[in-house]
N, C-alpha and C. Protein backbone atom coordinates (compact mmCIF):
# COMPACT_ATOMS: atom_id res chain seq x y z
N UNK A 1 -16.76 16.17 -16.11
CA UNK A 1 -15.97 15.63 -15.01
C UNK A 1 -16.80 15.53 -13.73
N UNK A 2 -16.46 14.54 -12.93
CA UNK A 2 -17.13 14.37 -11.65
C UNK A 2 -16.62 15.39 -10.64
N UNK A 3 -17.50 15.85 -9.81
CA UNK A 3 -17.10 16.67 -8.66
C UNK A 3 -17.54 15.93 -7.41
N UNK A 4 -16.97 16.29 -6.28
CA UNK A 4 -17.25 15.51 -5.07
C UNK A 4 -18.72 15.49 -4.69
N UNK A 5 -19.52 16.43 -5.13
CA UNK A 5 -20.95 16.42 -4.82
C UNK A 5 -21.72 15.38 -5.63
N UNK A 6 -21.11 14.86 -6.70
CA UNK A 6 -21.76 13.85 -7.54
C UNK A 6 -21.60 12.45 -6.96
N UNK A 7 -20.75 12.28 -5.97
CA UNK A 7 -20.42 10.97 -5.43
C UNK A 7 -20.88 10.90 -3.97
N UNK A 8 -21.62 9.84 -3.63
CA UNK A 8 -22.06 9.69 -2.24
C UNK A 8 -21.01 8.99 -1.39
N UNK A 9 -20.64 7.78 -1.78
CA UNK A 9 -19.69 6.97 -1.00
C UNK A 9 -18.33 6.97 -1.68
N UNK A 10 -17.29 6.57 -0.96
CA UNK A 10 -15.96 6.50 -1.57
C UNK A 10 -15.94 5.54 -2.76
N UNK A 11 -15.15 5.91 -3.76
CA UNK A 11 -15.01 5.11 -4.97
C UNK A 11 -13.54 4.82 -5.18
N UNK A 12 -13.18 3.54 -5.36
CA UNK A 12 -11.80 3.16 -5.63
C UNK A 12 -11.58 3.17 -7.14
N UNK A 13 -10.39 3.58 -7.57
CA UNK A 13 -10.06 3.54 -8.98
C UNK A 13 -8.57 3.31 -9.15
N UNK A 14 -8.22 2.85 -10.32
CA UNK A 14 -6.82 2.61 -10.66
C UNK A 14 -6.41 3.67 -11.68
N UNK A 15 -5.39 4.43 -11.33
CA UNK A 15 -4.92 5.49 -12.21
C UNK A 15 -4.09 4.92 -13.34
N UNK A 16 -3.93 5.71 -14.38
CA UNK A 16 -3.03 5.28 -15.46
C UNK A 16 -1.60 5.29 -14.92
N UNK A 17 -0.81 4.39 -15.43
CA UNK A 17 0.55 4.24 -14.93
C UNK A 17 1.48 5.22 -15.64
N UNK A 18 1.51 6.44 -15.15
CA UNK A 18 2.28 7.49 -15.81
C UNK A 18 3.72 7.57 -15.32
N UNK A 19 4.03 6.87 -14.24
CA UNK A 19 5.42 6.83 -13.79
C UNK A 19 5.68 5.51 -13.06
N UNK A 20 6.95 5.22 -12.82
CA UNK A 20 7.34 3.93 -12.26
C UNK A 20 6.77 3.72 -10.86
N UNK A 21 6.69 4.78 -10.06
CA UNK A 21 6.17 4.65 -8.71
C UNK A 21 4.70 4.23 -8.73
N UNK A 22 3.89 4.87 -9.56
CA UNK A 22 2.47 4.49 -9.68
C UNK A 22 2.33 3.06 -10.18
N UNK A 23 3.17 2.67 -11.11
CA UNK A 23 3.11 1.31 -11.64
C UNK A 23 3.40 0.29 -10.53
N UNK A 24 4.44 0.51 -9.76
CA UNK A 24 4.81 -0.43 -8.71
C UNK A 24 3.81 -0.45 -7.56
N UNK A 25 3.15 0.66 -7.30
CA UNK A 25 2.14 0.71 -6.25
C UNK A 25 0.77 0.34 -6.80
N UNK A 26 0.69 0.01 -8.05
CA UNK A 26 -0.53 -0.36 -8.77
C UNK A 26 -1.48 0.82 -8.93
N UNK A 27 -1.06 2.02 -8.57
CA UNK A 27 -1.83 3.23 -8.81
C UNK A 27 -3.26 3.21 -8.31
N UNK A 28 -3.51 2.58 -7.17
CA UNK A 28 -4.88 2.50 -6.62
C UNK A 28 -5.13 3.68 -5.69
N UNK A 29 -6.26 4.33 -5.90
CA UNK A 29 -6.62 5.49 -5.11
C UNK A 29 -8.10 5.43 -4.74
N UNK A 30 -8.49 6.27 -3.81
CA UNK A 30 -9.90 6.36 -3.41
C UNK A 30 -10.32 7.82 -3.53
N UNK A 31 -11.46 8.03 -4.16
CA UNK A 31 -12.05 9.37 -4.24
C UNK A 31 -13.18 9.41 -3.23
N UNK A 32 -13.16 10.40 -2.37
CA UNK A 32 -14.24 10.59 -1.39
C UNK A 32 -15.21 11.62 -1.92
N UNK A 33 -16.48 11.35 -1.77
CA UNK A 33 -17.52 12.28 -2.17
C UNK A 33 -18.13 12.97 -0.96
N UNK A 34 -19.46 13.00 -0.92
CA UNK A 34 -20.17 13.67 0.18
C UNK A 34 -19.87 13.03 1.52
N UNK A 35 -19.86 11.72 1.56
CA UNK A 35 -19.65 11.01 2.81
C UNK A 35 -18.16 10.81 3.03
N UNK A 36 -17.59 11.51 3.99
CA UNK A 36 -16.15 11.48 4.26
C UNK A 36 -15.78 10.47 5.35
N UNK A 37 -16.69 9.55 5.67
CA UNK A 37 -16.43 8.56 6.71
C UNK A 37 -15.25 7.67 6.33
N UNK A 38 -14.62 7.09 7.34
CA UNK A 38 -13.52 6.17 7.09
C UNK A 38 -14.04 4.91 6.40
N UNK A 39 -13.17 4.25 5.65
CA UNK A 39 -13.57 3.05 4.91
C UNK A 39 -14.09 1.95 5.81
N UNK A 40 -13.56 1.86 7.03
CA UNK A 40 -14.01 0.82 7.96
C UNK A 40 -15.52 0.87 8.18
N UNK A 41 -16.10 2.05 8.16
CA UNK A 41 -17.53 2.17 8.41
C UNK A 41 -18.35 1.57 7.27
N UNK A 42 -17.82 1.57 6.06
CA UNK A 42 -18.54 1.01 4.92
C UNK A 42 -18.45 -0.50 4.89
N UNK A 43 -17.38 -1.08 5.42
CA UNK A 43 -17.24 -2.54 5.38
C UNK A 43 -18.32 -3.22 6.21
N UNK A 44 -18.78 -2.54 7.25
CA UNK A 44 -19.83 -3.12 8.09
C UNK A 44 -21.17 -3.17 7.37
N UNK A 45 -21.41 -2.23 6.48
CA UNK A 45 -22.72 -2.16 5.83
C UNK A 45 -22.81 -3.00 4.57
N UNK A 46 -21.73 -3.09 3.81
CA UNK A 46 -21.85 -3.84 2.56
C UNK A 46 -20.94 -5.06 2.49
N UNK A 47 -20.09 -5.27 3.48
CA UNK A 47 -19.27 -6.47 3.55
C UNK A 47 -18.20 -6.59 2.49
N UNK A 48 -17.84 -5.51 1.80
CA UNK A 48 -16.86 -5.64 0.73
C UNK A 48 -15.42 -5.42 1.19
N UNK A 49 -15.23 -4.92 2.40
CA UNK A 49 -13.87 -4.70 2.90
C UNK A 49 -13.60 -5.61 4.08
N UNK A 50 -12.43 -6.22 4.08
CA UNK A 50 -11.99 -7.02 5.20
C UNK A 50 -10.65 -6.49 5.66
N UNK A 51 -10.37 -6.60 6.92
CA UNK A 51 -9.06 -6.22 7.42
C UNK A 51 -8.71 -7.08 8.61
N UNK A 52 -7.41 -7.16 8.84
CA UNK A 52 -6.92 -7.91 9.99
C UNK A 52 -6.06 -6.99 10.83
N UNK A 53 -5.94 -7.31 12.09
CA UNK A 53 -5.07 -6.56 12.98
C UNK A 53 -3.79 -7.35 13.18
N UNK A 54 -2.67 -6.70 12.96
CA UNK A 54 -1.36 -7.34 13.14
C UNK A 54 -0.77 -6.82 14.43
N UNK A 55 -0.40 -7.74 15.30
CA UNK A 55 0.22 -7.35 16.56
C UNK A 55 1.60 -6.78 16.27
N UNK A 56 1.95 -5.74 17.01
CA UNK A 56 3.20 -5.01 16.78
C UNK A 56 4.42 -5.93 16.86
N UNK A 57 4.37 -6.95 17.71
CA UNK A 57 5.54 -7.83 17.83
C UNK A 57 5.71 -8.73 16.61
N UNK A 58 4.73 -8.78 15.70
CA UNK A 58 4.84 -9.57 14.47
C UNK A 58 5.24 -8.73 13.26
N UNK A 59 5.28 -7.42 13.41
CA UNK A 59 5.51 -6.52 12.28
C UNK A 59 6.84 -6.78 11.58
N UNK A 60 7.93 -6.84 12.33
CA UNK A 60 9.25 -7.02 11.71
C UNK A 60 9.33 -8.35 10.96
N UNK A 61 8.82 -9.41 11.55
CA UNK A 61 8.85 -10.72 10.89
C UNK A 61 8.07 -10.68 9.58
N UNK A 62 6.91 -10.07 9.59
CA UNK A 62 6.09 -9.98 8.37
C UNK A 62 6.80 -9.15 7.30
N UNK A 63 7.40 -8.02 7.70
CA UNK A 63 8.13 -7.20 6.74
C UNK A 63 9.32 -7.95 6.16
N UNK A 64 10.02 -8.71 6.99
CA UNK A 64 11.14 -9.52 6.51
C UNK A 64 10.67 -10.59 5.54
N UNK A 65 9.54 -11.22 5.83
CA UNK A 65 9.00 -12.24 4.92
C UNK A 65 8.54 -11.61 3.60
N UNK A 66 7.93 -10.45 3.67
CA UNK A 66 7.55 -9.74 2.44
C UNK A 66 8.79 -9.38 1.62
N UNK A 67 9.86 -8.98 2.31
CA UNK A 67 11.10 -8.65 1.63
C UNK A 67 11.65 -9.86 0.87
N UNK A 68 11.52 -11.04 1.45
CA UNK A 68 11.98 -12.25 0.75
C UNK A 68 11.20 -12.47 -0.56
N UNK A 69 10.00 -11.93 -0.63
CA UNK A 69 9.18 -12.00 -1.85
C UNK A 69 9.37 -10.77 -2.74
N UNK A 70 10.36 -9.96 -2.39
CA UNK A 70 10.67 -8.71 -3.09
C UNK A 70 9.53 -7.71 -3.03
N UNK A 71 8.81 -7.71 -1.93
CA UNK A 71 7.84 -6.65 -1.64
C UNK A 71 8.46 -5.86 -0.50
N UNK A 72 9.03 -4.72 -0.85
CA UNK A 72 9.79 -3.94 0.12
C UNK A 72 9.81 -2.47 -0.28
N UNK A 73 10.56 -1.67 0.47
CA UNK A 73 10.62 -0.23 0.20
C UNK A 73 11.04 0.06 -1.23
N UNK A 74 11.99 -0.69 -1.73
CA UNK A 74 12.50 -0.40 -3.08
C UNK A 74 11.54 -0.85 -4.18
N UNK A 75 10.82 -1.95 -3.98
CA UNK A 75 9.88 -2.39 -5.01
C UNK A 75 8.63 -1.51 -5.05
N UNK A 76 8.26 -0.95 -3.90
CA UNK A 76 7.10 -0.07 -3.85
C UNK A 76 7.48 1.36 -4.23
N UNK A 77 8.66 1.79 -3.81
CA UNK A 77 9.17 3.14 -4.11
C UNK A 77 10.48 3.00 -4.88
N UNK A 78 10.42 2.71 -6.20
CA UNK A 78 11.62 2.43 -6.97
C UNK A 78 12.38 3.71 -7.36
N UNK A 79 12.82 4.41 -6.37
CA UNK A 79 13.58 5.63 -6.60
C UNK A 79 14.68 5.70 -5.54
N UNK A 80 15.35 6.82 -5.46
CA UNK A 80 16.46 6.93 -4.50
C UNK A 80 16.01 6.81 -3.05
N UNK A 81 14.82 7.30 -2.75
CA UNK A 81 14.32 7.20 -1.37
C UNK A 81 14.07 5.74 -1.00
N UNK A 82 13.44 4.98 -1.88
CA UNK A 82 13.19 3.56 -1.62
C UNK A 82 14.49 2.78 -1.52
N UNK A 83 15.44 3.12 -2.38
CA UNK A 83 16.74 2.48 -2.35
C UNK A 83 17.46 2.78 -1.03
N UNK A 84 17.40 4.02 -0.61
CA UNK A 84 18.03 4.43 0.64
C UNK A 84 17.43 3.68 1.83
N UNK A 85 16.09 3.61 1.88
CA UNK A 85 15.43 2.89 2.98
C UNK A 85 15.83 1.41 2.99
N UNK A 86 15.87 0.82 1.82
CA UNK A 86 16.20 -0.60 1.70
C UNK A 86 17.62 -0.87 2.19
N UNK A 87 18.56 -0.04 1.79
CA UNK A 87 19.95 -0.23 2.20
C UNK A 87 20.11 -0.01 3.69
N UNK A 88 19.42 0.99 4.23
CA UNK A 88 19.49 1.23 5.68
C UNK A 88 18.88 0.09 6.47
N UNK A 89 17.80 -0.48 5.96
CA UNK A 89 17.10 -1.55 6.67
C UNK A 89 17.81 -2.90 6.58
N UNK A 90 18.27 -3.24 5.37
CA UNK A 90 18.80 -4.58 5.12
C UNK A 90 20.27 -4.61 4.70
N UNK A 91 20.86 -3.44 4.49
CA UNK A 91 22.26 -3.39 4.10
C UNK A 91 22.51 -3.69 2.64
N UNK A 92 21.44 -3.87 1.85
CA UNK A 92 21.59 -4.23 0.44
C UNK A 92 20.25 -4.09 -0.27
N UNK A 93 20.30 -4.09 -1.59
CA UNK A 93 19.07 -4.12 -2.38
C UNK A 93 18.67 -5.56 -2.72
N UNK A 94 19.51 -6.50 -2.36
CA UNK A 94 19.30 -7.89 -2.74
C UNK A 94 18.96 -8.75 -1.54
N UNK A 95 18.16 -9.76 -1.75
CA UNK A 95 17.74 -10.67 -0.69
C UNK A 95 18.66 -11.88 -0.63
N UNK A 96 19.83 -11.68 -0.10
CA UNK A 96 20.75 -12.80 0.00
C UNK A 96 20.74 -13.42 1.38
N UNK A 97 20.03 -12.80 2.30
CA UNK A 97 19.95 -13.33 3.67
C UNK A 97 18.66 -14.12 3.85
N UNK A 98 18.69 -15.07 4.72
CA UNK A 98 17.45 -15.71 5.14
C UNK A 98 17.19 -15.28 6.56
N UNK A 99 15.94 -15.20 6.92
CA UNK A 99 15.57 -14.71 8.23
C UNK A 99 15.08 -15.86 9.09
N UNK A 100 15.51 -15.87 10.34
CA UNK A 100 15.11 -16.94 11.26
C UNK A 100 13.78 -16.64 11.87
């Protein structure tokens, strides 16, 4: 087995889908080795990571649009907690509303 001293830079991996939550989140994780730097620092050196900054005033609109595509609290967390968040946020588990 690998130990953290065997790994220099962070390594991404996909875990086996042992439960519904991991399956819906695609089970992607990062293992950190010797270098505990944030991922942003690696994107500058090897160009493999990109990110964008979302302005706070656009957050709700983007989340609503993702919800229309069924990417929401319940699809990512398909349990009672995800269901509870979804109902509190949208009043339902179903996308019957359109957002202006």
